[in-house]
Amino acid sequence: MNPILALDFGRARIGVAISDELQLLAHPLETIPANQRPAARVAEIVHEKKVDHVVA
């Protein structure tokens, strides 16, 4: 199974967490500044980590 990516939107930052291989536990991955092309960075993570689903 490929991991699930979770996004936590804030005004200044977007928190990103990723699930384990069994999709049971989430682990913090990084924080993206909300004013520095966050969609592009999320797309990079999805591609790098081979993410199946993104949830907010």
Protein backbone atom coordinates (compact mmCIF):
# COMPACT_ATOMS: atom_id res chain seq x y z
CA MET A 1 0.00 0.00 0.00
CA ASN A 2 1.15 3.51 -0.73
CA PRO A 3 1.00 6.14 2.03
CA ILE A 4 -1.69 8.73 2.69
CA LEU A 5 -0.70 12.39 2.98
CA ALA A 6 -2.54 14.59 5.48
CA LEU A 7 -2.60 18.40 5.35
CA ASP A 8 -3.42 20.74 8.23
CA PHE A 9 -4.07 24.22 6.82
CA GLY A 10 -3.19 27.28 8.86
CA ARG A 11 -2.92 30.95 7.97
CA ALA A 12 0.88 31.03 8.16
CA ARG A 13 1.87 27.39 7.68
CA ILE A 14 0.57 24.07 6.38
CA GLY A 15 1.42 21.01 8.42
CA VAL A 16 2.10 17.82 6.49
CA ALA A 17 1.95 14.29 7.87
CA ILE A 18 2.34 10.94 6.12
CA SER A 19 1.05 7.51 7.04
CA ASP A 20 3.12 4.41 7.51
CA GLU A 21 3.09 1.64 4.89
CA LEU A 22 0.08 -0.06 6.49
CA GLN A 23 -1.83 3.24 6.61
CA LEU A 24 -2.34 2.86 10.37
CA LEU A 25 -0.22 5.64 11.90
CA ALA A 26 0.58 9.18 10.80
CA HIS A 27 3.99 10.77 11.28
CA PRO A 28 4.88 14.46 10.93
CA LEU A 29 6.72 15.13 7.71
CA GLU A 30 7.26 18.89 7.34
CA THR A 31 5.77 22.36 7.63
CA ILE A 32 5.23 24.40 4.48
CA PRO A 33 5.01 28.21 4.62
CA ALA A 34 1.54 29.14 3.33
CA ASN A 35 2.89 32.02 1.25
CA GLN A 36 5.59 30.11 -0.66
CA ARG A 37 3.82 28.06 -3.37
CA PRO A 38 2.43 25.36 -1.08
CA ALA A 39 0.58 23.54 -3.89
CA ALA A 40 3.84 23.00 -5.78
CA ARG A 41 5.53 21.56 -2.68
CA VAL A 42 2.58 19.26 -1.94
CA ALA A 43 2.73 18.01 -5.55
CA GLU A 44 6.46 17.30 -5.12
CA ILE A 45 5.82 15.31 -1.94
CA VAL A 46 3.03 13.31 -3.60
CA HIS A 47 5.39 12.41 -6.43
CA GLU A 48 8.42 11.68 -4.21
CA LYS A 49 6.54 9.53 -1.70
CA LYS A 50 4.20 7.87 -4.23
CA VAL A 51 1.14 8.98 -2.26
CA ASP A 52 -2.24 7.40 -3.07
CA HIS A 53 -4.54 9.87 -1.31
CA VAL A 54 -4.35 13.37 0.15
CA VAL A 55 -6.68 14.36 2.99
CA ALA A 56 -7.21 17.70 4.67
